[in-house]
């Protein structure tokens, strides 16, 4: 199978003669990158209590993104590099298809979701660095092509855009509800002058 990103992959992968220290870093990132991304979200939630509802919604979107990514990978059927014999797999991995990368999708959703929220942007920068570093690491250990990672980030951006558009529409619809009619304030009845009252002298 010819891949448009084959030359880039061959330049990025560890191959059959890896550099030990670089492979160690890549293996650690490939394994623990998602957990570090989750730690960034946890830190954001601890420091910004008023953003916890949004962070919970973002976490749900990441779970949905994982399901969508797996479904797309199964439908597209693009094998991973080690499945094609291009490189050894330096990370134990099953034989599932790899485009788009689920790691890139989930971590990209977290990073983009934090970046678009002003109080959370510094956490978004850290999450994006982790997403890119983890994408590189999974290419280096031979379980993804570069295009898999790019497709995962693109899917993350598309899903987040849809989520934000839905949230915006819900806000408009909820805000456009007609106001409930307000009853006029009760006023005491006017007291008619009594005919029996004597006129003032």
C-alpha atoms as a PDB file:
ATOM      1  CA  UNK A   1       0.000   0.000   0.000  1.00  0.00           C
ATOM      2  CA  UNK A   2       1.512   3.305  -1.111  1.00  0.00           C
ATOM      3  CA  UNK A   3       1.271   6.091   1.437  1.00  0.00           C
ATOM      4  CA  UNK A   4       1.734   9.794   0.616  1.00  0.00           C
ATOM      5  CA  UNK A   5       3.544  10.262   3.937  1.00  0.00           C
ATOM      6  CA  UNK A   6       5.885   7.290   3.540  1.00  0.00           C
ATOM      7  CA  UNK A   7       9.071   9.377   3.170  1.00  0.00           C
ATOM      8  CA  UNK A   8       8.209  11.429   6.257  1.00  0.00           C
ATOM      9  CA  UNK A   9       7.463   8.283   8.231  1.00  0.00           C
ATOM     10  CA  UNK A  10      10.799   6.701   7.302  1.00  0.00           C
ATOM     11  CA  UNK A  11      12.558   9.870   8.460  1.00  0.00           C
ATOM     12  CA  UNK A  12      10.734   9.909  11.814  1.00  0.00           C
ATOM     13  CA  UNK A  13      10.581   6.250  12.808  1.00  0.00           C
ATOM     14  CA  UNK A  14      13.145   4.469  14.966  1.00  0.00           C
ATOM     15  CA  UNK A  15      13.314   1.589  12.490  1.00  0.00           C
ATOM     16  CA  UNK A  16      15.363  -1.530  13.119  1.00  0.00           C
ATOM     17  CA  UNK A  17      18.353   0.411  14.514  1.00  0.00           C
ATOM     18  CA  UNK A  18      16.902   2.802  17.081  1.00  0.00           C
ATOM     19  CA  UNK A  19      18.801   5.319  19.162  1.00  0.00           C
ATOM     20  CA  UNK A  20      18.310   3.895  22.679  1.00  0.00           C
ATOM     21  CA  UNK A  21      17.830   7.125  24.638  1.00  0.00           C
ATOM     22  CA  UNK A  22      15.479   8.593  22.018  1.00  0.00           C
ATOM     23  CA  UNK A  23      13.482   5.383  21.869  1.00  0.00           C
ATOM     24  CA  UNK A  24      13.147   5.418  25.662  1.00  0.00           C
ATOM     25  CA  UNK A  25      11.674   8.929  25.588  1.00  0.00           C
ATOM     26  CA  UNK A  26       9.349   8.030  22.707  1.00  0.00           C
ATOM     27  CA  UNK A  27       8.161   4.854  24.418  1.00  0.00           C
ATOM     28  CA  UNK A  28       7.387   6.718  27.650  1.00  0.00           C
ATOM     29  CA  UNK A  29       5.452   9.414  25.805  1.00  0.00           C
ATOM     30  CA  UNK A  30       3.595   6.877  23.666  1.00  0.00           C
ATOM     31  CA  UNK A  31       2.464   5.042  26.808  1.00  0.00           C
ATOM     32  CA  UNK A  32       1.840   7.844  29.272  1.00  0.00           C
ATOM     33  CA  UNK A  33       1.040  10.885  27.103  1.00  0.00           C
ATOM     34  CA  UNK A  34      -2.749  10.480  27.505  1.00  0.00           C
ATOM     35  CA  UNK A  35      -2.385  10.229  31.290  1.00  0.00           C
ATOM     36  CA  UNK A  36      -0.355  13.420  31.341  1.00  0.00           C
ATOM     37  CA  UNK A  37      -3.081  15.093  29.282  1.00  0.00           C
ATOM     38  CA  UNK A  38      -5.663  13.906  31.822  1.00  0.00           C
ATOM     39  CA  UNK A  39      -3.493  15.367  34.598  1.00  0.00           C
ATOM     40  CA  UNK A  40      -3.560  18.734  32.821  1.00  0.00           C
ATOM     41  CA  UNK A  41      -7.371  18.618  32.764  1.00  0.00           C
ATOM     42  CA  UNK A  42      -7.438  17.681  36.436  1.00  0.00           C
ATOM     43  CA  UNK A  43      -5.179  20.605  37.286  1.00  0.00           C
ATOM     44  CA  UNK A  44      -7.440  22.946  35.332  1.00  0.00           C
ATOM     45  CA  UNK A  45     -10.475  21.660  37.214  1.00  0.00           C
ATOM     46  CA  UNK A  46      -8.812  22.083  40.592  1.00  0.00           C
ATOM     47  CA  UNK A  47      -7.747  25.661  39.882  1.00  0.00           C
ATOM     48  CA  UNK A  48     -10.906  26.814  38.066  1.00  0.00           C
ATOM     49  CA  UNK A  49     -14.016  25.579  39.846  1.00  0.00           C
ATOM     50  CA  UNK A  50     -16.339  27.632  37.660  1.00  0.00           C
ATOM     51  CA  UNK A  51     -15.044  25.747  34.580  1.00  0.00           C
ATOM     52  CA  UNK A  52     -15.752  22.260  35.927  1.00  0.00           C
ATOM     53  CA  UNK A  53     -19.014  21.891  34.026  1.00  0.00           C
ATOM     54  CA  UNK A  54     -17.277  22.721  30.765  1.00  0.00           C
ATOM     55  CA  UNK A  55     -14.390  20.361  31.570  1.00  0.00           C
ATOM     56  CA  UNK A  56     -16.826  17.551  32.272  1.00  0.00           C
ATOM     57  CA  UNK A  57     -18.543  18.172  28.932  1.00  0.00           C
ATOM     58  CA  UNK A  58     -15.128  18.195  27.243  1.00  0.00           C
ATOM     59  CA  UNK A  59     -14.291  14.868  28.864  1.00  0.00           C
ATOM     60  CA  UNK A  60     -17.521  13.407  27.479  1.00  0.00           C
ATOM     61  CA  UNK A  61     -16.600  14.750  24.036  1.00  0.00           C
ATOM     62  CA  UNK A  62     -13.202  13.063  24.296  1.00  0.00           C
ATOM     63  CA  UNK A  63     -14.950   9.749  25.016  1.00  0.00           C
ATOM     64  CA  UNK A  64     -17.210  10.262  21.996  1.00  0.00           C
ATOM     65  CA  UNK A  65     -14.151  11.159  19.918  1.00  0.00           C
ATOM     66  CA  UNK A  66     -12.516   7.867  20.876  1.00  0.00           C
ATOM     67  CA  UNK A  67     -15.549   5.906  19.672  1.00  0.00           C
ATOM     68  CA  UNK A  68     -15.768   7.859  16.417  1.00  0.00           C
ATOM     69  CA  UNK A  69     -12.045   7.426  15.753  1.00  0.00           C
ATOM     70  CA  UNK A  70     -12.180   3.660  16.282  1.00  0.00           C
ATOM     71  CA  UNK A  71     -15.215   3.372  13.998  1.00  0.00           C
ATOM     72  CA  UNK A  72     -13.533   5.403  11.243  1.00  0.00           C
ATOM     73  CA  UNK A  73     -10.311   3.398  11.505  1.00  0.00           C
ATOM     74  CA  UNK A  74     -12.234   0.144  11.146  1.00  0.00           C
ATOM     75  CA  UNK A  75     -14.170   1.504   8.164  1.00  0.00           C
ATOM     76  CA  UNK A  76     -11.109   2.913   6.346  1.00  0.00           C
ATOM     77  CA  UNK A  77      -8.882  -0.102   6.978  1.00  0.00           C
ATOM     78  CA  UNK A  78      -5.423   1.496   6.829  1.00  0.00           C
ATOM     79  CA  UNK A  79      -2.908  -0.793   8.576  1.00  0.00           C
ATOM     80  CA  UNK A  80      -0.189   0.377  10.935  1.00  0.00           C
ATOM     81  CA  UNK A  81       3.471   0.568   9.839  1.00  0.00           C
ATOM     82  CA  UNK A  82       4.596  -2.538  11.719  1.00  0.00           C
ATOM     83  CA  UNK A  83       1.693  -4.482  10.170  1.00  0.00           C
ATOM     84  CA  UNK A  84       3.204  -3.740   6.758  1.00  0.00           C
ATOM     85  CA  UNK A  85       6.662  -4.863   7.833  1.00  0.00           C
ATOM     86  CA  UNK A  86       8.123  -1.368   7.455  1.00  0.00           C
ATOM     87  CA  UNK A  87       9.509  -1.272  10.988  1.00  0.00           C
ATOM     88  CA  UNK A  88       9.451  -3.325  14.176  1.00  0.00           C
ATOM     89  CA  UNK A  89       6.841  -2.293  16.705  1.00  0.00           C
ATOM     90  CA  UNK A  90       8.821  -0.923  19.639  1.00  0.00           C
ATOM     91  CA  UNK A  91       5.587  -0.739  21.635  1.00  0.00           C
ATOM     92  CA  UNK A  92       3.348  -3.776  22.232  1.00  0.00           C
ATOM     93  CA  UNK A  93       0.251  -3.148  20.145  1.00  0.00           C
ATOM     94  CA  UNK A  94      -2.662  -5.039  18.672  1.00  0.00           C
ATOM     95  CA  UNK A  95      -3.433  -5.333  14.989  1.00  0.00           C
ATOM     96  CA  UNK A  96      -6.211  -2.743  14.754  1.00  0.00           C
ATOM     97  CA  UNK A  97      -6.190  -0.226  11.905  1.00  0.00           C
ATOM     98  CA  UNK A  98      -4.502   3.100  12.546  1.00  0.00           C
ATOM     99  CA  UNK A  99      -6.063   5.948  10.570  1.00  0.00           C
ATOM    100  CA  UNK A 100      -7.093   8.187  12.267  1.00  0.00           C
ATOM    101  CA  UNK A 101      -5.050   7.963  15.456  1.00  0.00           C
ATOM    102  CA  UNK A 102      -7.341   7.661  18.467  1.00  0.00           C
ATOM    103  CA  UNK A 103      -4.625   9.057  20.750  1.00  0.00           C
ATOM    104  CA  UNK A 104      -4.347  12.150  18.559  1.00  0.00           C
ATOM    105  CA  UNK A 105      -8.134  12.502  18.408  1.00  0.00           C
ATOM    106  CA  UNK A 106      -8.676  12.340  22.156  1.00  0.00           C
ATOM    107  CA  UNK A 107      -5.636  14.412  23.137  1.00  0.00           C
ATOM    108  CA  UNK A 108      -6.382  16.907  20.369  1.00  0.00           C
ATOM    109  CA  UNK A 109      -9.940  17.353  21.630  1.00  0.00           C
ATOM    110  CA  UNK A 110      -8.641  18.066  25.116  1.00  0.00           C
ATOM    111  CA  UNK A 111      -6.024  20.523  23.828  1.00  0.00           C
ATOM    112  CA  UNK A 112      -8.324  22.391  21.417  1.00  0.00           C
ATOM    113  CA  UNK A 113     -11.104  22.449  24.011  1.00  0.00           C
ATOM    114  CA  UNK A 114      -8.845  24.069  26.576  1.00  0.00           C
ATOM    115  CA  UNK A 115      -7.367  26.522  24.072  1.00  0.00           C
ATOM    116  CA  UNK A 116     -10.739  27.969  23.051  1.00  0.00           C
ATOM    117  CA  UNK A 117     -11.621  28.766  26.678  1.00  0.00           C
ATOM    118  CA  UNK A 118      -9.890  31.948  27.785  1.00  0.00           C
ATOM    119  CA  UNK A 119      -9.327  31.037  31.467  1.00  0.00           C
ATOM    120  CA  UNK A 120      -7.940  27.624  30.421  1.00  0.00           C
ATOM    121  CA  UNK A 121      -5.599  28.612  27.602  1.00  0.00           C
ATOM    122  CA  UNK A 122      -2.342  28.052  29.451  1.00  0.00           C
ATOM    123  CA  UNK A 123      -3.508  24.505  30.170  1.00  0.00           C
ATOM    124  CA  UNK A 124      -4.424  24.190  26.501  1.00  0.00           C
ATOM    125  CA  UNK A 125      -0.868  25.081  25.466  1.00  0.00           C
ATOM    126  CA  UNK A 126       0.515  22.341  27.730  1.00  0.00           C
ATOM    127  CA  UNK A 127      -2.070  19.846  26.439  1.00  0.00           C
ATOM    128  CA  UNK A 128      -1.232  20.688  22.807  1.00  0.00           C
ATOM    129  CA  UNK A 129       2.494  20.222  23.408  1.00  0.00           C
ATOM    130  CA  UNK A 130       1.706  16.819  24.934  1.00  0.00           C
ATOM    131  CA  UNK A 131      -0.574  15.877  22.015  1.00  0.00           C
ATOM    132  CA  UNK A 132       2.091  16.729  19.418  1.00  0.00           C
ATOM    133  CA  UNK A 133       4.861  15.051  21.405  1.00  0.00           C
ATOM    134  CA  UNK A 134       2.767  11.909  21.835  1.00  0.00           C
ATOM    135  CA  UNK A 135       1.938  11.898  18.125  1.00  0.00           C
ATOM    136  CA  UNK A 136       5.652  12.062  17.279  1.00  0.00           C
ATOM    137  CA  UNK A 137       6.385   9.313  19.817  1.00  0.00           C
ATOM    138  CA  UNK A 138       3.835   6.921  18.351  1.00  0.00           C
ATOM    139  CA  UNK A 139       5.295   7.474  14.901  1.00  0.00           C
ATOM    140  CA  UNK A 140       8.801   6.878  16.245  1.00  0.00           C
ATOM    141  CA  UNK A 141       7.898   3.565  17.886  1.00  0.00           C
ATOM    142  CA  UNK A 142       6.274   2.355  14.659  1.00  0.00           C
ATOM    143  CA  UNK A 143       2.563   2.205  15.483  1.00  0.00           C
ATOM    144  CA  UNK A 144       1.401   5.179  13.384  1.00  0.00           C
ATOM    145  CA  UNK A 145       2.098   7.024  10.169  1.00  0.00           C
ATOM    146  CA  UNK A 146       2.290  10.842  10.275  1.00  0.00           C
ATOM    147  CA  UNK A 147      -0.985  11.081   8.352  1.00  0.00           C
ATOM    148  CA  UNK A 148      -2.722   9.057  11.080  1.00  0.00           C
ATOM    149  CA  UNK A 149      -1.784  11.692  13.648  1.00  0.00           C
ATOM    150  CA  UNK A 150      -2.749  14.613  11.398  1.00  0.00           C
ATOM    151  CA  UNK A 151      -6.110  12.961  10.646  1.00  0.00           C
ATOM    152  CA  UNK A 152      -6.708  12.444  14.378  1.00  0.00           C
ATOM    153  CA  UNK A 153      -6.059  16.114  15.121  1.00  0.00           C
ATOM    154  CA  UNK A 154      -8.306  17.119  12.222  1.00  0.00           C
ATOM    155  CA  UNK A 155     -11.087  14.883  13.510  1.00  0.00           C
ATOM    156  CA  UNK A 156     -10.658  16.417  16.966  1.00  0.00           C
ATOM    157  CA  UNK A 157     -11.012  19.932  15.549  1.00  0.00           C
ATOM    158  CA  UNK A 158     -14.137  18.926  13.577  1.00  0.00           C
ATOM    159  CA  UNK A 159     -15.786  17.277  16.587  1.00  0.00           C
ATOM    160  CA  UNK A 160     -15.028  20.219  18.849  1.00  0.00           C
ATOM    161  CA  UNK A 161     -16.415  22.648  16.265  1.00  0.00           C
ATOM    162  CA  UNK A 162     -19.629  20.631  16.137  1.00  0.00           C
ATOM    163  CA  UNK A 163     -19.825  20.543  19.930  1.00  0.00           C
ATOM    164  CA  UNK A 164     -19.339  24.309  20.260  1.00  0.00           C
ATOM    165  CA  UNK A 165     -21.871  24.993  17.485  1.00  0.00           C
ATOM    166  CA  UNK A 166     -24.443  22.806  19.257  1.00  0.00           C
ATOM    167  CA  UNK A 167     -23.728  24.554  22.551  1.00  0.00           C
ATOM    168  CA  UNK A 168     -24.174  27.935  20.864  1.00  0.00           C
ATOM    169  CA  UNK A 169     -27.491  26.901  19.309  1.00  0.00           C
ATOM    170  CA  UNK A 170     -28.774  25.634  22.652  1.00  0.00           C
ATOM    171  CA  UNK A 171     -27.870  28.929  24.304  1.00  0.00           C
ATOM    172  CA  UNK A 172     -29.718  30.869  21.596  1.00  0.00           C
ATOM    173  CA  UNK A 173     -32.810  28.671  21.851  1.00  0.00           C
ATOM    174  CA  UNK A 174     -32.903  28.775  25.620  1.00  0.00           C
ATOM    175  CA  UNK A 175     -32.315  32.519  25.635  1.00  0.00           C
ATOM    176  CA  UNK A 176     -35.038  33.167  23.040  1.00  0.00           C
ATOM    177  CA  UNK A 177     -37.878  31.767  25.124  1.00  0.00           C
ATOM    178  CA  UNK A 178     -40.704  34.307  25.530  1.00  0.00           C
ATOM    179  CA  UNK A 179     -40.833  35.864  28.930  1.00  0.00           C
ATOM    180  CA  UNK A 180     -43.659  34.750  31.195  1.00  0.00           C
ATOM    181  CA  UNK A 181     -46.454  37.347  31.449  1.00  0.00           C
ATOM    182  CA  UNK A 182     -46.179  39.323  34.619  1.00  0.00           C
ATOM    183  CA  UNK A 183     -49.379  40.070  36.487  1.00  0.00           C
ATOM    184  CA  UNK A 184     -49.983  43.784  37.120  1.00  0.00           C
ATOM    185  CA  UNK A 185     -49.270  44.840  40.678  1.00  0.00           C
ATOM    186  CA  UNK A 186     -52.236  44.864  42.980  1.00  0.00           C
ATOM    187  CA  UNK A 187     -53.402  48.341  43.912  1.00  0.00           C
ATOM    188  CA  UNK A 188     -55.730  49.078  46.788  1.00  0.00           C
ATOM    189  CA  UNK A 189     -59.219  50.039  45.629  1.00  0.00           C
ATOM    190  CA  UNK A 190     -60.043  53.698  45.623  1.00  0.00           C
ATOM    191  CA  UNK A 191     -62.141  54.727  48.585  1.00  0.00           C
ATOM    192  CA  UNK A 192     -65.235  56.654  47.502  1.00  0.00           C
ATOM    193  CA  UNK A 193     -66.057  59.694  49.653  1.00  0.00           C
ATOM    194  CA  UNK A 194     -68.902  59.058  51.994  1.00  0.00           C
ATOM    195  CA  UNK A 195     -72.030  61.179  51.517  1.00  0.00           C
ATOM    196  CA  UNK A 196     -72.437  61.308  55.250  1.00  0.00           C
ATOM    197  CA  UNK A 197     -69.179  63.195  55.728  1.00  0.00           C
ATOM    198  CA  UNK A 198     -69.729  66.765  56.842  1.00  0.00           C
ATOM    199  CA  UNK A 199     -68.227  69.475  54.641  1.00  0.00           C
ATOM    200  CA  UNK A 200     -65.306  71.315  56.007  1.00  0.00           C
ATOM    201  CA  UNK A 201     -66.235  74.732  57.533  1.00  0.00           C
END
